[in-house]
Amino acid sequence: MAILQIDDSHDRIEAVIFSDLYDSVKNVISIDNSVIVEGEVNVDTYNDYTRVNALLIEPLTQYVNNNIKSLSVDLSYRELSQL
């Protein structure tokens, strides 16, 4: 079992990774390596704590290649001029 701390520069959450899953994904988990985590969320309202029991972990690039077929970005001229 492992506990992965996920940080998106705004908030942190812990993901619990049980042994079977951990053995299959330990090579893709590293600092600054972006991953997709799917799982079940557990909220402890008493301690104000949220944790995810990970069911699937996949590198972001692999997830995008397997699941994203297109990307559309709509920006107005005003939004572009503010960049």
C-alpha atoms as a PDB file:
ATOM      1  CA  MET A   1       0.000   0.000   0.000  1.00  0.00           C
ATOM      2  CA  ALA A   2       1.124   3.551  -0.705  1.00  0.00           C
ATOM      3  CA  ILE A   3      -0.235   7.015  -0.069  1.00  0.00           C
ATOM      4  CA  LEU A   4       0.167   9.479  -2.904  1.00  0.00           C
ATOM      5  CA  GLN A   5      -0.112  13.181  -2.134  1.00  0.00           C
ATOM      6  CA  ILE A   6      -1.610  15.000  -5.110  1.00  0.00           C
ATOM      7  CA  ASP A   7      -0.958  18.721  -5.374  1.00  0.00           C
ATOM      8  CA  ASP A   8      -2.245  21.012  -8.126  1.00  0.00           C
ATOM      9  CA  SER A   9      -0.708  24.201  -6.692  1.00  0.00           C
ATOM     10  CA  HIS A  10      -4.098  25.174  -5.248  1.00  0.00           C
ATOM     11  CA  ASP A  11      -4.986  22.260  -2.988  1.00  0.00           C
ATOM     12  CA  ARG A  12      -3.767  18.859  -1.857  1.00  0.00           C
ATOM     13  CA  ILE A  13      -5.481  15.525  -1.497  1.00  0.00           C
ATOM     14  CA  GLU A  14      -4.225  12.056  -0.587  1.00  0.00           C
ATOM     15  CA  ALA A  15      -4.816   9.008  -2.724  1.00  0.00           C
ATOM     16  CA  VAL A  16      -4.541   5.577  -1.120  1.00  0.00           C
ATOM     17  CA  ILE A  17      -3.088   3.005  -3.507  1.00  0.00           C
ATOM     18  CA  PHE A  18      -3.545  -0.607  -2.477  1.00  0.00           C
ATOM     19  CA  SER A  19      -0.858  -3.222  -3.186  1.00  0.00           C
ATOM     20  CA  ASP A  20      -2.218  -4.746  -6.415  1.00  0.00           C
ATOM     21  CA  LEU A  21      -2.605  -1.369  -8.113  1.00  0.00           C
ATOM     22  CA  TYR A  22       0.636  -0.021  -6.674  1.00  0.00           C
ATOM     23  CA  ASP A  23       2.644  -2.930  -8.085  1.00  0.00           C
ATOM     24  CA  SER A  24       1.337  -2.174 -11.579  1.00  0.00           C
ATOM     25  CA  VAL A  25       1.839   1.637 -11.502  1.00  0.00           C
ATOM     26  CA  LYS A  26       4.844   2.263  -9.257  1.00  0.00           C
ATOM     27  CA  ASN A  27       7.013   3.003 -12.304  1.00  0.00           C
ATOM     28  CA  VAL A  28       4.760   5.932 -13.406  1.00  0.00           C
ATOM     29  CA  ILE A  29       4.483   7.609 -10.000  1.00  0.00           C
ATOM     30  CA  SER A  30       7.162  10.211  -9.417  1.00  0.00           C
ATOM     31  CA  ILE A  31       7.525  13.841  -8.445  1.00  0.00           C
ATOM     32  CA  ASP A  32       6.287  16.209 -11.168  1.00  0.00           C
ATOM     33  CA  ASN A  33       4.911  13.345 -13.267  1.00  0.00           C
ATOM     34  CA  SER A  34       1.272  14.137 -14.139  1.00  0.00           C
ATOM     35  CA  VAL A  35      -1.170  11.271 -13.746  1.00  0.00           C
ATOM     36  CA  ILE A  36      -4.908  10.692 -13.905  1.00  0.00           C
ATOM     37  CA  VAL A  37      -6.331   9.116 -10.754  1.00  0.00           C
ATOM     38  CA  GLU A  38      -9.773   7.529 -10.771  1.00  0.00           C
ATOM     39  CA  GLY A  39     -11.206   6.267  -7.522  1.00  0.00           C
ATOM     40  CA  GLU A  40     -13.706   6.494  -4.717  1.00  0.00           C
ATOM     41  CA  VAL A  41     -13.763   9.639  -2.603  1.00  0.00           C
ATOM     42  CA  ASN A  42     -14.052   9.328   1.160  1.00  0.00           C
ATOM     43  CA  VAL A  43     -14.990  12.452   3.096  1.00  0.00           C
ATOM     44  CA  ASP A  44     -14.376  12.613   6.829  1.00  0.00           C
ATOM     45  CA  THR A  45     -16.513  15.587   7.863  1.00  0.00           C
ATOM     46  CA  TYR A  46     -15.554  15.215  11.522  1.00  0.00           C
ATOM     47  CA  ASN A  47     -11.853  15.787  10.773  1.00  0.00           C
ATOM     48  CA  ASP A  48     -12.498  17.885   7.629  1.00  0.00           C
ATOM     49  CA  TYR A  49     -10.449  15.489   5.535  1.00  0.00           C
ATOM     50  CA  THR A  50     -10.896  14.041   2.051  1.00  0.00           C
ATOM     51  CA  ARG A  51      -9.092  11.006   0.667  1.00  0.00           C
ATOM     52  CA  VAL A  52      -9.357   9.031  -2.578  1.00  0.00           C
ATOM     53  CA  ASN A  53      -9.093   5.250  -2.745  1.00  0.00           C
ATOM     54  CA  ALA A  54      -7.379   4.893  -6.133  1.00  0.00           C
ATOM     55  CA  LEU A  55      -8.872   2.368  -8.535  1.00  0.00           C
ATOM     56  CA  LEU A  56      -6.930   3.420 -11.652  1.00  0.00           C
ATOM     57  CA  ILE A  57      -3.784   5.467 -12.200  1.00  0.00           C
ATOM     58  CA  GLU A  58      -2.630   6.360 -15.677  1.00  0.00           C
ATOM     59  CA  PRO A  59       0.048   8.748 -16.987  1.00  0.00           C
ATOM     60  CA  LEU A  60      -1.566  11.920 -18.320  1.00  0.00           C
ATOM     61  CA  THR A  61      -0.019  11.558 -21.777  1.00  0.00           C
ATOM     62  CA  GLN A  62      -1.295   7.987 -22.084  1.00  0.00           C
ATOM     63  CA  TYR A  63      -4.765   9.052 -20.930  1.00  0.00           C
ATOM     64  CA  VAL A  64      -4.879  11.879 -23.477  1.00  0.00           C
ATOM     65  CA  ASN A  65      -3.679   9.616 -26.299  1.00  0.00           C
ATOM     66  CA  ASN A  66      -6.289   6.961 -25.440  1.00  0.00           C
ATOM     67  CA  ASN A  67      -9.276   9.172 -24.652  1.00  0.00           C
ATOM     68  CA  ILE A  68      -9.033  12.629 -26.202  1.00  0.00           C
ATOM     69  CA  LYS A  69      -9.882  12.775 -29.905  1.00  0.00           C
ATOM     70  CA  SER A  70      -9.944  16.546 -30.363  1.00  0.00           C
ATOM     71  CA  LEU A  71      -9.604  19.803 -28.508  1.00  0.00           C
ATOM     72  CA  SER A  72     -11.396  23.007 -29.283  1.00  0.00           C
ATOM     73  CA  VAL A  73     -10.501  26.370 -27.778  1.00  0.00           C
ATOM     74  CA  ASP A  74     -12.708  29.381 -28.382  1.00  0.00           C
ATOM     75  CA  LEU A  75     -11.261  32.779 -27.501  1.00  0.00           C
ATOM     76  CA  SER A  76     -12.538  36.200 -28.370  1.00  0.00           C
ATOM     77  CA  TYR A  77     -10.247  38.884 -29.755  1.00  0.00           C
ATOM     78  CA  ARG A  78     -10.514  40.643 -26.381  1.00  0.00           C
ATOM     79  CA  GLU A  79      -9.326  37.533 -24.522  1.00  0.00           C
ATOM     80  CA  LEU A  80      -6.426  37.078 -26.938  1.00  0.00           C
ATOM     81  CA  SER A  81      -5.300  40.661 -26.528  1.00  0.00           C
ATOM     82  CA  GLN A  82      -5.054  40.142 -22.758  1.00  0.00           C
ATOM     83  CA  LEU A  83      -2.567  37.292 -23.092  1.00  0.00           C
END
